[in-house]
Amino acid sequence: MDSLIFARARCKTAVPRLFVCDVDRTLLTHDHVLLPSVSAAARSLRSVKLPLVLASARSPVGLERVHAEVGASDTVCCFNGAWIGMLSSRITLKEKRIDREAALEAMTSVHDLGGSPIWFDLETCFVLRPDESVARRRTNVTGDDLQLVDTPTEAPRAPFKLLATFPEETLEASVSLLSSRFSGLLTVVQSGPNLVELVAKGVQKDVAAAFIAAEFGLDAIDVAAAGDSDNDLGLLCWAGLAITVSNAKPHVQAVADIVAPSCDIGGLAFAFEWMVESLSRSSLC
């Protein structure tokens, strides 16, 4: 399709059997809208028997609406891979929480750096009362249940992730400092404008995608993946076919095999449609 940029020759020979897809600013616009063209094109993957798996930094609750509208597989990757399970039943296939003491220390560190952290369990997230307004802006988008606490120790158990919001001018320095401070304990990565994800060391979308692919009896070469941000970089490098959108960062576009138009005009729909056409042709050969 003329709207797609094909950066590598393997685009023409790839025959994916699984599609692993990021959500925010890839499937959805910057304003978190799922455009009808994208929804329809995603559902059309069923016509060529290509399962669509959502792989997101969101929680299961945050994925439910999008999941239903695109007709995705019940298997999902949440919190960048910290929880992999069945969305409808919440049956866990694999999980890795942050060590509680490390999470409590990270909450304090984020505050010390001027950020606002949110503590995510599977169904509920917790935030300190002074950070409520910042947290509500996020949970109003995702639909997560938000509970207020007076101290971090009131949050139960160990979290799957911490989500920190920072002022734009301190974001880069904060990521660097947190990465250094929690080296060996946490993976710290930017997932969107002003947003930083903190998960247990080793939690990455590519690791999660490899686990999910194995559940389907597939290898990396059998997987197409789409994403736009730093937390998608490993996934795109791992997959047999890497797709991004033109709003992605330049270094993310650099590793992609296909670059679709911006998420704000439903660019991923073009990639889905091309995939259906390509797989339909290969089935006739």
Protein backbone atom coordinates (compact mmCIF):
# COMPACT_ATOMS: atom_id res chain seq x y z
CA MET A 1 0.00 0.00 0.00
CA ASP A 2 1.26 3.46 -0.89
CA SER A 3 0.73 4.74 2.66
CA LEU A 4 3.22 2.25 4.11
CA ILE A 5 7.01 2.60 4.07
CA PHE A 6 8.71 -0.78 3.56
CA ALA A 7 12.19 -0.50 5.01
CA ARG A 8 13.41 -4.08 4.61
CA ALA A 9 13.01 -6.80 2.02
CA ARG A 10 11.75 -9.38 4.50
CA CYS A 11 8.41 -7.58 4.49
CA LYS A 12 7.68 -9.26 1.18
CA THR A 13 8.34 -12.82 2.40
CA ALA A 14 7.10 -12.74 6.01
CA VAL A 15 4.17 -15.02 6.82
CA PRO A 16 3.22 -14.14 10.41
CA ARG A 17 1.07 -16.50 12.43
CA LEU A 18 0.66 -14.18 15.44
CA PHE A 19 0.38 -10.38 15.75
CA VAL A 20 1.51 -8.79 19.02
CA CYS A 21 0.41 -5.16 19.27
CA ASP A 22 1.00 -2.20 21.57
CA VAL A 23 -2.03 -0.08 22.46
CA ASP A 24 -1.40 3.57 23.35
CA ARG A 25 -0.19 5.73 20.46
CA THR A 26 -0.06 2.65 18.24
CA LEU A 27 -3.59 1.23 18.06
CA LEU A 28 -5.01 4.35 19.73
CA THR A 29 -4.48 8.02 18.91
CA HIS A 30 -2.57 10.36 21.20
CA ASP A 31 -5.96 11.16 22.75
CA HIS A 32 -6.56 7.44 23.43
CA VAL A 33 -9.26 7.10 20.77
CA LEU A 34 -9.71 3.87 18.83
CA LEU A 35 -10.63 4.99 15.32
CA PRO A 36 -13.29 2.92 13.50
CA SER A 37 -10.93 2.20 10.61
CA VAL A 38 -8.37 0.67 12.98
CA SER A 39 -10.98 -1.36 14.83
CA ALA A 40 -12.42 -2.76 11.60
CA ALA A 41 -9.00 -3.56 10.14
CA ALA A 42 -7.92 -5.28 13.37
CA ARG A 43 -11.03 -7.47 13.34
CA SER A 44 -10.32 -8.39 9.72
CA LEU A 45 -7.21 -10.30 10.85
CA ARG A 46 -9.61 -13.07 11.81
CA SER A 47 -10.35 -13.64 8.13
CA VAL A 48 -6.80 -14.92 7.65
CA LYS A 49 -6.71 -16.68 11.04
CA LEU A 50 -4.09 -14.31 12.47
CA PRO A 51 -4.52 -13.98 16.27
CA LEU A 52 -4.08 -10.47 17.67
CA VAL A 53 -2.49 -10.25 21.12
CA LEU A 54 -2.46 -6.93 22.97
CA ALA A 55 0.84 -6.16 24.71
CA SER A 56 0.60 -3.03 26.81
CA ALA A 57 1.85 -1.19 29.85
CA ARG A 58 -1.82 -0.99 30.87
CA SER A 59 -3.52 -3.17 33.46
CA PRO A 60 -6.13 -5.81 32.52
CA VAL A 61 -8.85 -3.30 33.46
CA GLY A 62 -7.26 -0.73 31.18
CA LEU A 63 -7.29 -3.14 28.24
CA GLU A 64 -10.88 -4.34 28.43
CA ARG A 65 -12.58 -1.75 26.22
CA VAL A 66 -9.94 -1.80 23.50
CA HIS A 67 -9.74 -5.58 23.61
CA ALA A 68 -13.46 -5.97 22.98
CA GLU A 69 -13.51 -3.50 20.09
CA VAL A 70 -10.61 -5.03 18.15
CA GLY A 71 -11.56 -8.66 18.73
CA ALA A 72 -8.20 -9.60 20.22
CA SER A 73 -7.13 -12.94 21.66
CA ASP A 74 -8.09 -13.60 25.28
CA THR A 75 -4.39 -13.94 26.08
CA VAL A 76 -2.94 -10.52 26.95
CA CYS A 77 0.34 -9.02 28.11
CA CYS A 78 -0.11 -6.33 30.77
CA PHE A 79 2.27 -4.08 32.69
CA ASN A 80 4.87 -4.55 29.91
CA GLY A 81 4.89 -8.27 30.64
CA ALA A 82 4.72 -8.33 34.43
CA TRP A 83 1.35 -10.09 34.10
CA ILE A 84 0.42 -12.43 31.26
CA GLY A 85 -2.95 -14.07 31.46
CA MET A 86 -6.46 -14.59 30.19
CA LEU A 87 -8.31 -11.30 30.19
CA SER A 88 -11.84 -12.65 30.61
CA SER A 89 -11.11 -14.86 33.63
CA ARG A 90 -7.95 -13.19 35.01
CA ILE A 91 -6.28 -16.62 35.02
CA THR A 92 -2.55 -15.98 35.36
CA LEU A 93 -0.17 -17.65 32.93
CA LYS A 94 2.94 -15.85 34.17
CA GLU A 95 3.63 -12.99 36.54
CA LYS A 96 6.52 -11.12 38.12
CA ARG A 97 5.89 -8.47 40.75
CA ILE A 98 8.31 -5.83 42.02
CA ASP A 99 9.90 -6.67 45.34
CA ARG A 100 7.79 -4.79 47.89
CA GLU A 101 10.70 -3.11 49.66
CA ALA A 102 12.17 -1.99 46.34
CA ALA A 103 8.75 -0.65 45.32
CA LEU A 104 8.41 1.34 48.54
CA GLU A 105 11.89 2.80 48.06
CA ALA A 106 11.11 3.63 44.43
CA MET A 107 7.90 5.42 45.42
CA THR A 108 9.96 7.67 47.71
CA SER A 109 12.60 8.23 45.04
CA VAL A 110 10.02 9.24 42.44
CA HIS A 111 8.56 11.78 44.87
CA ASP A 112 12.02 13.11 45.71
CA LEU A 113 12.57 13.72 41.98
CA GLY A 114 9.32 15.68 41.71
CA GLY A 115 7.26 12.90 40.15
CA SER A 116 3.86 11.44 40.99
CA PRO A 117 3.86 7.62 41.31
CA ILE A 118 0.96 5.16 41.06
CA TRP A 119 1.18 1.65 42.58
CA PHE A 120 -0.56 -1.00 40.43
CA ASP A 121 -2.02 -4.26 41.66
CA LEU A 122 -3.96 -6.46 39.23
CA GLU A 123 -7.40 -4.85 39.67
CA THR A 124 -6.71 -1.69 41.68
CA CYS A 125 -4.10 1.04 41.78
CA PHE A 126 -3.07 3.13 44.75
CA VAL A 127 -1.86 6.70 44.96
CA LEU A 128 -0.89 9.11 47.72
CA ARG A 129 -3.54 11.74 48.35
CA PRO A 130 -1.41 14.70 47.15
CA ASP A 131 -0.99 12.96 43.80
CA GLU A 132 -4.69 12.26 43.23
CA SER A 133 -5.29 14.88 40.53
CA VAL A 134 -2.34 13.66 38.46
CA ALA A 135 -3.38 10.03 38.86
CA ARG A 136 -7.02 10.74 37.95
CA ARG A 137 -5.95 12.12 34.58
CA ARG A 138 -4.51 8.69 33.83
CA THR A 139 -7.20 6.48 35.36
CA ASN A 140 -9.97 8.51 33.73
CA VAL A 141 -8.52 7.27 30.43
CA THR A 142 -7.92 3.64 31.37
CA GLY A 143 -10.82 3.04 33.76
CA ASP A 144 -8.62 1.67 36.54
CA ASP A 145 -10.02 1.67 40.08
CA LEU A 146 -8.02 4.25 42.04
CA GLN A 147 -7.72 4.15 45.82
CA LEU A 148 -6.13 6.90 47.92
CA VAL A 149 -3.61 6.14 50.67
CA ASP A 150 -1.80 8.32 53.18
CA THR A 151 1.49 6.40 53.03
CA PRO A 152 2.93 3.93 50.49
CA THR A 153 2.93 1.15 53.09
CA GLU A 154 -0.89 1.14 53.00
CA ALA A 155 -0.78 -0.32 49.48
CA PRO A 156 -1.19 -4.11 49.68
CA ARG A 157 1.29 -6.80 48.69
CA ALA A 158 3.85 -6.06 45.98
CA PRO A 159 2.92 -4.14 42.82
CA PHE A 160 3.15 -5.30 39.23
CA LYS A 161 4.42 -1.86 38.29
CA LEU A 162 4.82 1.73 39.35
CA LEU A 163 3.76 4.40 36.87
CA ALA A 164 5.42 7.76 37.42
CA THR A 165 4.44 11.07 35.86
CA PHE A 166 7.18 13.71 35.63
CA PRO A 167 7.32 17.27 34.32
CA GLU A 168 8.63 17.22 30.76
CA GLU A 169 11.73 19.22 31.65
CA THR A 170 12.90 16.65 34.24
CA LEU A 171 11.78 13.45 32.51
CA GLU A 172 15.04 12.41 30.87
CA ALA A 173 17.16 13.11 33.94
CA SER A 174 14.66 11.28 36.18
CA VAL A 175 14.74 8.15 34.00
CA SER A 176 18.54 8.19 34.12
CA LEU A 177 18.70 8.64 37.90
CA LEU A 178 16.09 5.98 38.63
CA SER A 179 17.76 3.52 36.25
CA SER A 180 21.07 4.03 38.02
CA ARG A 181 19.62 3.94 41.53
CA PHE A 182 17.65 0.73 40.97
CA SER A 183 20.03 -1.05 38.61
CA GLY A 184 19.68 -4.81 39.11
CA LEU A 185 16.25 -4.44 40.73
CA LEU A 186 14.01 -2.55 38.32
CA THR A 187 13.59 -1.89 34.62
CA VAL A 188 12.89 1.82 34.15
CA VAL A 189 11.62 2.94 30.75
CA GLN A 190 9.63 5.77 29.22
CA SER A 191 6.30 4.63 27.79
CA GLY A 192 4.79 7.92 26.68
CA PRO A 193 4.93 11.68 27.09
CA ASN A 194 5.76 12.38 30.76
CA LEU A 195 5.23 8.70 31.68
CA VAL A 196 7.83 6.36 33.16
CA GLU A 197 7.21 2.67 33.87
CA LEU A 198 9.02 0.86 36.69
CA VAL A 199 8.75 -2.94 36.68
CA ALA A 200 10.81 -5.82 38.04
CA LYS A 201 14.16 -6.47 36.36
CA GLY A 202 13.72 -8.75 33.38
CA VAL A 203 10.14 -7.69 32.69
CA GLN A 204 10.04 -6.68 29.03
CA LYS A 205 7.56 -7.00 26.19
CA ASP A 206 9.92 -9.12 24.11
CA VAL A 207 10.28 -11.63 26.96
CA ALA A 208 6.50 -11.69 27.33
CA ALA A 209 5.98 -12.07 23.58
CA ALA A 210 8.40 -15.00 23.46
CA PHE A 211 6.44 -16.69 26.25
CA ILE A 212 3.11 -16.08 24.48
CA ALA A 213 4.49 -17.23 21.13
CA ALA A 214 5.65 -20.47 22.76
CA GLU A 215 2.13 -20.96 24.13
CA PHE A 216 0.94 -20.79 20.50
CA GLY A 217 3.73 -23.16 19.44
CA LEU A 218 5.53 -20.39 17.51
CA ASP A 219 8.98 -18.80 17.26
CA ALA A 220 9.99 -15.15 16.83
CA ILE A 221 10.09 -15.51 13.05
CA ASP A 222 6.37 -16.33 13.11
CA VAL A 223 5.43 -13.12 14.94
CA ALA A 224 4.58 -9.65 13.66
CA ALA A 225 4.75 -6.90 16.28
CA ALA A 226 3.74 -3.25 16.38
CA GLY A 227 4.73 -0.51 18.82
CA ASP A 228 5.86 3.09 19.09
CA SER A 229 7.91 3.76 22.21
CA ASP A 230 10.98 2.77 24.22
CA ASN A 231 9.08 0.02 26.02
CA ASP A 232 8.32 -1.53 22.59
CA LEU A 233 11.89 -1.43 21.29
CA GLY A 234 12.89 -4.90 22.47
CA LEU A 235 9.67 -6.37 21.11
CA LEU A 236 10.23 -4.87 17.66
CA CYS A 237 13.83 -6.08 17.55
CA TRP A 238 12.76 -9.60 18.60
CA ALA A 239 9.82 -10.10 16.22
CA GLY A 240 10.12 -11.59 12.77
CA LEU A 241 8.29 -8.56 11.34
CA ALA A 242 8.46 -5.18 13.08
CA ILE A 243 5.85 -2.48 12.43
CA THR A 244 5.63 1.04 13.81
CA VAL A 245 3.80 4.30 13.13
CA SER A 246 5.22 7.61 11.96
CA ASN A 247 4.62 9.25 15.34
CA ALA A 248 7.12 6.84 16.92
CA LYS A 249 10.49 8.10 18.05
CA PRO A 250 13.18 8.09 15.32
CA HIS A 251 15.21 5.33 16.99
CA VAL A 252 12.08 3.16 17.13
CA GLN A 253 11.34 3.79 13.45
CA ALA A 254 14.93 2.83 12.69
CA VAL A 255 14.40 -0.79 13.76
CA ALA A 256 11.05 -1.24 12.01
CA ASP A 257 10.49 -3.18 8.81
CA ILE A 258 7.32 -1.23 8.07
CA VAL A 259 6.40 2.33 9.07
CA ALA A 260 2.69 3.14 8.88
CA PRO A 261 1.18 6.65 9.02
CA SER A 262 0.57 8.34 12.36
CA CYS A 263 -1.71 6.78 14.94
CA ASP A 264 -3.77 9.98 14.84
CA ILE A 265 -5.03 9.14 11.34
CA GLY A 266 -5.38 5.44 12.06
CA GLY A 267 -2.10 4.47 10.43
CA LEU A 268 -2.04 0.95 11.81
CA ALA A 269 -5.20 0.14 9.84
CA PHE A 270 -3.09 0.28 6.66
CA ALA A 271 -0.66 -2.26 8.13
CA PHE A 272 -3.49 -4.58 9.17
CA GLU A 273 -5.07 -4.34 5.71
CA TRP A 274 -1.72 -5.02 4.02
CA MET A 275 -1.23 -8.02 6.31
CA VAL A 276 -4.63 -9.47 5.37
CA GLU A 277 -3.94 -8.99 1.66
CA SER A 278 -0.45 -10.48 1.95
CA LEU A 279 -1.59 -13.55 3.89
CA SER A 280 -4.54 -14.05 1.58
CA ARG A 281 -2.17 -14.11 -1.41
CA SER A 282 0.24 -16.52 0.29
CA SER A 283 -2.58 -18.95 1.05
CA LEU A 284 -3.33 -19.16 -2.66
CA CYS A 285 0.22 -20.05 -3.60
